[in-house]
Amino acid sequence: MIQTLYLVPEYKEEQIYPAICKAMEALSIQKDMRPDLKVVLKPNLIMAKTPSVPVTTHPLVVKCIVRWLREHGVKNITLAESSGGLYTAEHMKNIYHACGMKALEPDLTLNMDFSAKTIHCPEEFANHSFHIITPIANADYIINICKLKTHAMTGYSGGIKNLFGVIPGLEKPQMHYRWPDIENFSRMLLELAQVVNPQLTIIDAIDAMEGNGPTSGTSHPLHMLLASRDFYTQDYFAASLMKLDPMGITMIRQAVDSGLAKPDRLQLLGDRIPEDLTPFQVPDAQKLDFSGKMPHFLLPIAKKLLKSYPQLNKELCVGCGKCAESCPAKVITIKKRKAHFKKRQCISCFCCQEMCPVKAISVKKAL
C-alpha cells in the first residue's frame, strides 16, 4: 500500500499543485484517466463555513485536483456532497458559495441533482442497502477529498468518515438513530465505505482541526497533503500523525481487524514526517472515559455515570433550529428562540453540537 505525504506550507495554488502532481504520479493515477471518464469529487462540506477555518475541504485543494484532471484529458468532473441539514438546491447553493466552491465553476460542475439511489449490500453486511446521492452512485471514478479532524462521536474524521456525506440530507440522523452505539455506527461506516469504494482519497491536512471537531474545534496545522488508493490504511496513518492511538478509534480498529486496513504494509513516499509533530487535543466527549479500565461487572454503571451529553449555552443560542433539525432522537425543541433538550432520550451522537453554527453547544459528563 503506497501512502504519499507532501509538505505544503500554506494554501497557495503554486504550493498545492506540485504536491498534487507528485502524489498522482507516485500512485500512477494517470493510468486510470480517459476522456470519457465520469469523475465525481466528494469533499467535506459539512456546513456553510469560510475556507479560512479548518471545517471544510479547502477550495484550492479541489481546484488543483480539477486542474490536474483537466490536464490529463478528463472533461466530465462533478463535485457532489450532502452536507449536514437539508439536501436541497437552496441549502447546497449556500454551502457551495460559503465554502468557496462556487468560484471553481466552470472547470467543474457543482451537483444540482438532489435525487438518491438505493444500492444493495453484500448479504453478510448488517445494512441490507444504502440510499446514496445519485452522482456518487453513477460515478465511474470517485475522488474522496476529506479534511483531517477530530470528531466528537468517532474520535477521528478522515477518509472513512467523509463518505458518510453520500447519505442524503436528514437521512444521516436516521442512521445515527438506527446505530446509536459506537461499535455499530462504526461498522455501518465501514460497510458504507466498501459500497462507495473511492478510487483515490486525498486528505487536506494543510490546516487540520483538533478539539471539538468536526465543526467546533480549533486549528492545528500539519502543513501536509496525504494521498492514497487505500483509504483504510491511510486513516490509520493519519491518526498516528495526530498522535492519536489508531486502534483506539473504533472504525480504524474494525478496519484492521477485518483486514481492510493493513498498516504493516504501508510504504511511505514523498517528504519525511516532521519530527516536531504535537498531539491533537481530543474532543470533550472523548475525555475522562475510564470505562475501559474498570472491571467488567461495573461497565454498565460506568457507562451511565461517564456518558456525555450536550449542554446548551443559552446566551449564545440564537434559536436557529439546526440542532433540532439534525437530532436523530428528536429530543430537542425550540421554545422562545432557545433550544431545549430532553436528556433521558439523548443518544449522545452530538449531531447537535456538530451542526450548531454559533458553538452554543458543549459536552457535559453525567458524573
Protein backbone atom coordinates (compact mmCIF):
# COMPACT_ATOMS: atom_id res chain seq x y z
CA MET A 1 0.00 0.00 0.00
CA ILE A 2 1.53 3.31 -1.12
CA GLN A 3 0.88 6.38 1.02
CA THR A 4 2.16 9.74 -0.15
CA LEU A 5 2.95 12.67 2.11
CA TYR A 6 3.95 16.08 0.76
CA LEU A 7 4.60 19.14 2.88
CA VAL A 8 2.62 22.23 1.83
CA PRO A 9 3.35 25.31 3.97
CA GLU A 10 0.14 27.21 3.16
CA TYR A 11 -2.93 27.39 0.96
CA LYS A 12 -1.40 28.71 -2.25
CA GLU A 13 -2.01 27.13 -5.63
CA GLU A 14 1.67 27.30 -6.54
CA GLN A 15 2.45 25.16 -3.47
CA ILE A 16 -0.52 22.78 -3.61
CA TYR A 17 -0.44 21.90 -7.32
CA PRO A 18 3.12 20.47 -7.38
CA ALA A 19 2.22 18.27 -4.38
CA ILE A 20 -0.90 17.01 -6.19
CA CYS A 21 1.16 16.25 -9.31
CA LYS A 22 3.75 14.29 -7.33
CA ALA A 23 1.08 12.31 -5.50
CA MET A 24 -0.77 11.43 -8.71
CA GLU A 25 2.47 10.27 -10.32
CA ALA A 26 3.53 8.21 -7.30
CA LEU A 27 0.14 6.45 -7.29
CA SER A 28 0.03 6.07 -11.11
CA ILE A 29 -3.37 7.77 -11.24
CA GLN A 30 -2.69 8.95 -14.81
CA LYS A 31 -3.11 5.33 -15.96
CA ASP A 32 -6.74 5.43 -14.81
CA MET A 33 -7.65 8.52 -16.80
CA ARG A 34 -9.56 8.65 -20.10
CA PRO A 35 -11.54 11.45 -21.80
CA ASP A 36 -14.97 9.88 -21.27
CA LEU A 37 -14.42 9.15 -17.55
CA LYS A 38 -17.18 10.44 -15.28
CA VAL A 39 -15.24 11.70 -12.24
CA VAL A 40 -17.00 12.78 -9.04
CA LEU A 41 -15.19 14.68 -6.31
CA LYS A 42 -16.51 14.13 -2.77
CA PRO A 43 -15.20 16.90 -0.47
CA ASN A 44 -16.13 17.62 3.15
CA LEU A 45 -18.66 20.48 3.08
CA ILE A 46 -20.32 19.74 6.39
CA MET A 47 -21.67 23.26 6.85
CA ALA A 48 -21.51 26.78 5.41
CA LYS A 49 -18.11 27.91 6.67
CA THR A 50 -15.46 30.10 5.10
CA PRO A 51 -12.27 28.31 3.96
CA SER A 52 -10.31 30.36 6.49
CA VAL A 53 -11.39 27.96 9.27
CA PRO A 54 -10.47 24.22 9.14
CA VAL A 55 -14.03 22.88 8.96
CA THR A 56 -14.34 22.04 5.27
CA THR A 57 -12.08 20.91 2.43
CA HIS A 58 -10.20 23.94 1.16
CA PRO A 59 -11.29 25.03 -2.36
CA LEU A 60 -7.70 25.43 -3.54
CA VAL A 61 -7.08 21.73 -2.93
CA VAL A 62 -10.12 20.92 -5.05
CA LYS A 63 -9.05 23.44 -7.69
CA CYS A 64 -5.62 21.83 -8.05
CA ILE A 65 -7.13 18.34 -8.37
CA VAL A 66 -9.50 19.62 -11.08
CA ARG A 67 -6.59 21.31 -12.85
CA TRP A 68 -4.65 18.03 -12.87
CA LEU A 69 -7.67 16.08 -14.15
CA ARG A 70 -8.26 18.53 -16.99
CA GLU A 71 -4.60 18.48 -17.97
CA HIS A 72 -4.97 14.71 -18.27
CA GLY A 73 -7.95 14.95 -20.61
CA VAL A 74 -10.86 14.46 -18.19
CA LYS A 75 -13.84 16.66 -19.12
CA ASN A 76 -16.71 15.33 -17.01
CA ILE A 77 -15.92 16.46 -13.44
CA THR A 78 -18.66 16.90 -10.83
CA LEU A 79 -18.41 17.96 -7.20
CA ALA A 80 -21.06 16.25 -5.08
CA GLU A 81 -21.77 16.33 -1.36
CA SER A 82 -24.68 16.14 1.03
CA SER A 83 -23.81 18.42 3.92
CA GLY A 84 -25.45 18.49 7.32
CA GLY A 85 -29.06 19.65 7.17
CA LEU A 86 -31.40 19.59 4.19
CA TYR A 87 -30.34 18.20 0.84
CA THR A 88 -31.98 20.83 -1.35
CA ALA A 89 -30.91 23.24 -4.07
CA GLU A 90 -31.31 26.30 -1.83
CA HIS A 91 -29.28 24.79 1.00
CA MET A 92 -26.48 23.43 -1.18
CA LYS A 93 -26.16 26.66 -3.18
CA ASN A 94 -25.44 28.43 0.11
CA ILE A 95 -22.92 25.72 1.06
CA TYR A 96 -21.12 25.95 -2.29
CA HIS A 97 -20.88 29.71 -2.03
CA ALA A 98 -19.77 29.91 1.62
CA CYS A 99 -17.18 27.13 1.26
CA GLY A 100 -15.60 28.71 -1.82
CA MET A 101 -16.62 26.01 -4.31
CA LYS A 102 -18.79 28.29 -6.45
CA ALA A 103 -15.65 30.07 -7.64
CA LEU A 104 -14.38 26.83 -9.20
CA GLU A 105 -17.01 26.85 -11.95
CA PRO A 106 -16.95 26.30 -14.92
CA ASP A 107 -13.92 24.00 -14.58
CA LEU A 108 -16.14 21.58 -12.69
CA THR A 109 -19.87 21.07 -12.28
CA LEU A 110 -21.45 21.65 -8.88
CA ASN A 111 -24.05 18.94 -8.39
CA MET A 112 -27.66 20.14 -8.60
CA ASP A 113 -29.27 16.70 -8.82
CA PHE A 114 -30.79 16.06 -5.40
CA SER A 115 -32.12 12.58 -6.02
CA ALA A 116 -30.70 9.41 -4.50
CA LYS A 117 -30.46 5.74 -5.41
CA THR A 118 -30.70 2.57 -3.36
CA ILE A 119 -27.56 0.46 -3.54
CA HIS A 120 -27.82 -3.10 -2.24
CA CYS A 121 -25.11 -4.51 0.01
CA PRO A 122 -23.50 -7.95 0.23
CA GLU A 123 -25.54 -10.46 2.21
CA GLU A 124 -23.07 -10.57 5.11
CA PHE A 125 -23.45 -6.83 5.80
CA ALA A 126 -25.63 -5.64 8.69
CA ASN A 127 -27.00 -2.97 6.33
CA HIS A 128 -29.03 -4.54 3.54
CA SER A 129 -28.79 -1.39 1.41
CA PHE A 130 -27.74 2.25 1.43
CA HIS A 131 -29.52 5.28 -0.03
CA ILE A 132 -26.76 7.22 -1.79
CA ILE A 133 -26.79 10.54 -3.63
CA THR A 134 -27.15 9.96 -7.36
CA PRO A 135 -23.87 11.49 -8.64
CA ILE A 136 -21.87 9.15 -6.40
CA ALA A 137 -23.99 6.15 -7.36
CA ASN A 138 -23.49 6.91 -11.09
CA ALA A 139 -19.79 7.82 -10.96
CA ASP A 140 -17.10 5.98 -12.90
CA TYR A 141 -14.36 7.30 -10.64
CA ILE A 142 -14.67 8.79 -7.13
CA ILE A 143 -12.03 11.00 -5.54
CA ASN A 144 -12.60 11.35 -1.81
CA ILE A 145 -11.21 14.72 -0.64
CA CYS A 146 -11.54 14.95 3.13
CA LYS A 147 -10.46 17.31 5.89
CA LEU A 148 -8.38 15.91 8.74
CA LYS A 149 -10.21 16.49 12.04
CA THR A 150 -11.03 15.11 15.44
CA HIS A 151 -14.68 14.13 15.89
CA ALA A 152 -16.91 14.25 18.98
CA MET A 153 -18.52 10.86 18.35
CA THR A 154 -15.99 8.83 16.34
CA GLY A 155 -12.85 10.48 17.73
CA TYR A 156 -11.34 10.91 14.27
CA SER A 157 -12.58 12.07 10.88
CA GLY A 158 -10.74 11.26 7.67
CA GLY A 159 -11.34 9.16 4.58
CA ILE A 160 -13.82 6.64 6.01
CA LYS A 161 -15.93 9.16 7.91
CA ASN A 162 -16.05 11.62 4.98
CA LEU A 163 -18.05 9.10 2.98
CA PHE A 164 -20.97 9.49 5.39
CA GLY A 165 -21.70 12.60 3.33
CA VAL A 166 -23.01 10.45 0.46
CA ILE A 167 -26.12 9.73 2.55
CA PRO A 168 -28.69 12.38 1.57
CA GLY A 169 -29.59 15.17 3.95
CA LEU A 170 -31.59 14.31 7.03
CA GLU A 171 -31.28 10.59 6.35
CA LYS A 172 -27.93 10.85 8.15
CA PRO A 173 -29.58 11.45 11.56
CA GLN A 174 -31.75 8.41 10.83
CA MET A 175 -28.59 6.34 10.51
CA HIS A 176 -27.37 7.70 13.85
CA TYR A 177 -30.67 6.70 15.44
CA ARG A 178 -30.58 3.24 13.88
CA TRP A 179 -26.99 2.62 15.01
CA PRO A 180 -26.51 4.71 18.22
CA ASP A 181 -23.76 2.50 19.67
CA ILE A 182 -20.25 3.46 18.51
CA GLU A 183 -19.40 -0.14 17.56
CA ASN A 184 -22.46 -0.48 15.34
CA PHE A 185 -22.20 3.04 13.93
CA SER A 186 -18.55 2.43 13.00
CA ARG A 187 -19.46 -0.88 11.39
CA MET A 188 -22.06 0.98 9.34
CA LEU A 189 -19.42 3.50 8.22
CA LEU A 190 -17.11 0.68 7.11
CA GLU A 191 -19.89 -1.04 5.19
CA LEU A 192 -20.80 2.24 3.51
CA ALA A 193 -17.15 2.85 2.65
CA GLN A 194 -16.92 -0.56 0.97
CA VAL A 195 -20.05 0.15 -1.07
CA VAL A 196 -18.83 3.59 -2.23
CA ASN A 197 -15.23 2.39 -2.68
CA PRO A 198 -13.49 5.59 -3.88
CA GLN A 199 -10.55 5.05 -6.20
CA LEU A 200 -8.44 7.78 -4.60
CA THR A 201 -8.50 9.59 -1.26
CA ILE A 202 -6.72 12.88 -0.65
CA ILE A 203 -6.58 14.30 2.88
CA ASP A 204 -6.37 18.05 3.31
CA ALA A 205 -4.18 18.38 6.40
CA ILE A 206 -2.53 21.66 5.50
CA ASP A 207 -4.70 23.05 8.27
CA ALA A 208 -6.45 20.42 10.38
CA MET A 209 -8.85 20.59 13.34
CA GLU A 210 -8.40 19.47 16.93
CA GLY A 211 -10.67 19.53 19.96
CA ASN A 212 -14.41 19.58 19.45
CA GLY A 213 -14.46 18.64 15.81
CA PRO A 214 -15.85 18.25 13.28
CA THR A 215 -17.10 21.86 13.39
CA SER A 216 -16.41 23.45 16.78
CA GLY A 217 -12.72 22.68 17.21
CA THR A 218 -9.65 24.82 16.65
CA SER A 219 -6.85 24.97 14.10
CA HIS A 220 -3.93 22.52 14.27
CA PRO A 221 -1.90 22.84 11.05
CA LEU A 222 0.09 19.86 9.83
CA HIS A 223 1.07 21.51 6.52
CA MET A 224 0.52 18.22 4.68
CA LEU A 225 -1.36 16.71 1.78
CA LEU A 226 -1.84 12.93 2.03
CA ALA A 227 -2.93 10.74 -0.87
CA SER A 228 -3.54 7.01 -1.25
CA ARG A 229 -5.66 4.47 -3.06
CA ASP A 230 -6.09 2.60 0.25
CA PHE A 231 -8.03 4.97 2.49
CA TYR A 232 -8.44 2.41 5.30
CA THR A 233 -4.70 2.17 5.92
CA GLN A 234 -4.42 5.89 5.21
CA ASP A 235 -6.76 6.65 8.13
CA TYR A 236 -4.57 4.54 10.42
CA PHE A 237 -1.53 6.51 9.27
CA ALA A 238 -3.22 9.92 9.52
CA ALA A 239 -4.49 9.23 13.05
CA SER A 240 -0.94 8.38 14.09
CA LEU A 241 0.26 11.72 12.69
CA MET A 242 -2.25 13.36 15.07
CA LYS A 243 -0.66 11.38 17.93
CA LEU A 244 -3.93 9.51 18.41
CA ASP A 245 -3.96 5.78 19.04
CA PRO A 246 -5.36 4.39 15.75
CA MET A 247 -6.55 1.23 17.49
CA GLY A 248 -8.43 3.43 19.94
CA ILE A 249 -10.57 4.73 17.06
CA THR A 250 -13.35 2.17 16.69
CA MET A 251 -13.77 2.33 12.91
CA ILE A 252 -9.99 2.07 12.35
CA ARG A 253 -9.70 -0.85 14.77
CA GLN A 254 -12.55 -2.59 12.97
CA ALA A 255 -10.85 -1.90 9.62
CA VAL A 256 -7.64 -3.51 10.91
CA ASP A 257 -9.44 -6.47 12.47
CA SER A 258 -11.36 -7.15 9.24
CA GLY A 259 -8.24 -6.90 7.06
CA LEU A 260 -9.35 -3.73 5.27
CA ALA A 261 -6.53 -1.68 6.82
CA LYS A 262 -3.01 -3.10 6.55
CA PRO A 263 -0.68 -0.73 8.44
CA ASP A 264 2.17 -3.26 8.36
CA ARG A 265 2.23 -3.00 4.55
CA LEU A 266 2.37 0.79 4.37
CA GLN A 267 5.03 2.25 2.07
CA LEU A 268 5.54 5.99 2.56
CA LEU A 269 6.61 8.09 -0.42
CA GLY A 270 7.33 11.80 -0.64
CA ASP A 271 8.53 14.00 2.18
CA ARG A 272 9.69 12.85 5.57
CA ILE A 273 7.38 13.03 8.56
CA PRO A 274 8.33 16.14 10.57
CA GLU A 275 9.87 15.39 13.95
CA ASP A 276 8.09 18.24 15.76
CA LEU A 277 4.50 16.96 15.45
CA THR A 278 2.40 17.65 18.55
CA PRO A 279 -0.62 15.70 19.88
CA PHE A 280 -4.08 16.83 18.81
CA GLN A 281 -6.47 17.86 21.55
CA VAL A 282 -9.24 15.27 21.78
CA PRO A 283 -12.94 16.21 21.83
CA ASP A 284 -14.58 16.84 25.20
CA ALA A 285 -16.81 13.84 24.56
CA GLN A 286 -13.73 11.59 24.46
CA LYS A 287 -12.20 12.84 27.72
CA LEU A 288 -12.48 11.24 31.17
CA ASP A 289 -13.70 7.91 29.84
CA PHE A 290 -12.31 5.40 32.30
CA SER A 291 -14.80 2.63 31.48
CA GLY A 292 -12.18 0.59 29.61
CA LYS A 293 -10.12 0.31 32.83
CA MET A 294 -12.97 -0.92 35.03
CA PRO A 295 -13.99 -4.48 35.95
CA HIS A 296 -16.48 -5.95 33.51
CA PHE A 297 -19.33 -6.10 36.02
CA LEU A 298 -19.05 -2.35 36.64
CA LEU A 299 -19.19 -1.33 32.97
CA PRO A 300 -22.98 -0.77 32.74
CA ILE A 301 -22.85 1.58 35.75
CA ALA A 302 -19.69 3.27 34.48
CA LYS A 303 -21.19 3.93 31.07
CA LYS A 304 -24.16 5.67 32.64
CA LEU A 305 -22.04 7.73 35.00
CA LEU A 306 -19.48 8.69 32.35
CA LYS A 307 -21.89 9.20 29.45
CA SER A 308 -21.53 12.55 27.71
CA TYR A 309 -24.47 14.81 26.98
CA PRO A 310 -24.86 18.06 25.03
CA GLN A 311 -25.06 21.20 27.14
CA LEU A 312 -26.50 24.48 25.86
CA ASN A 313 -25.11 27.95 26.45
CA LYS A 314 -28.37 29.91 26.32
CA GLU A 315 -26.55 33.22 25.92
CA LEU A 316 -25.00 32.03 22.66
CA CYS A 317 -28.05 30.17 21.32
CA VAL A 318 -29.84 32.09 18.55
CA GLY A 319 -32.73 29.64 18.17
CA CYS A 320 -31.91 28.78 14.55
CA GLY A 321 -33.16 25.20 14.99
CA LYS A 322 -30.22 23.48 13.29
CA CYS A 323 -29.72 21.30 16.37
CA ALA A 324 -33.35 20.18 16.43
CA GLU A 325 -33.30 19.55 12.68
CA SER A 326 -30.29 17.25 12.95
CA CYS A 327 -31.25 15.41 16.16
CA PRO A 328 -31.81 11.69 15.38
CA ALA A 329 -33.75 11.03 18.60
CA LYS A 330 -35.89 14.19 18.22
CA VAL A 331 -35.23 15.26 21.80
CA ILE A 332 -34.57 18.94 21.00
CA THR A 333 -37.25 21.58 20.68
CA ILE A 334 -37.07 25.34 20.14
CA LYS A 335 -39.03 27.40 22.65
CA LYS A 336 -38.87 31.17 22.88
CA ARG A 337 -35.93 31.21 20.45
CA LYS A 338 -33.86 28.85 22.60
CA ALA A 339 -33.07 25.14 22.30
CA HIS A 340 -34.37 22.74 24.96
CA PHE A 341 -33.03 19.19 25.44
CA LYS A 342 -34.59 16.02 26.86
CA LYS A 343 -31.65 14.26 28.44
CA ARG A 344 -33.34 10.90 29.01
CA GLN A 345 -33.77 10.01 25.32
CA CYS A 346 -30.46 11.53 24.14
CA ILE A 347 -28.23 9.03 22.30
CA SER A 348 -25.08 11.22 22.62
CA CYS A 349 -24.30 11.34 18.91
CA PHE A 350 -23.50 15.09 19.17
CA CYS A 351 -25.09 15.90 15.82
CA CYS A 352 -26.47 18.97 17.58
CA GLN A 353 -23.00 20.20 18.53
CA GLU A 354 -21.76 19.37 15.06
CA MET A 355 -24.41 21.46 13.30
CA CYS A 356 -24.61 24.43 15.70
CA PRO A 357 -23.33 27.46 13.70
CA VAL A 358 -22.58 29.58 16.80
CA LYS A 359 -20.86 26.98 19.04
CA ALA A 360 -23.60 27.24 21.66
CA ILE A 361 -23.49 23.50 22.48
CA SER A 362 -20.73 21.90 24.52
CA VAL A 363 -20.27 18.49 26.15
CA LYS A 364 -21.07 17.64 29.76
CA LYS A 365 -20.48 14.37 31.60
CA ALA A 366 -23.30 12.80 33.58
CA LEU A 367 -20.92 12.35 36.52
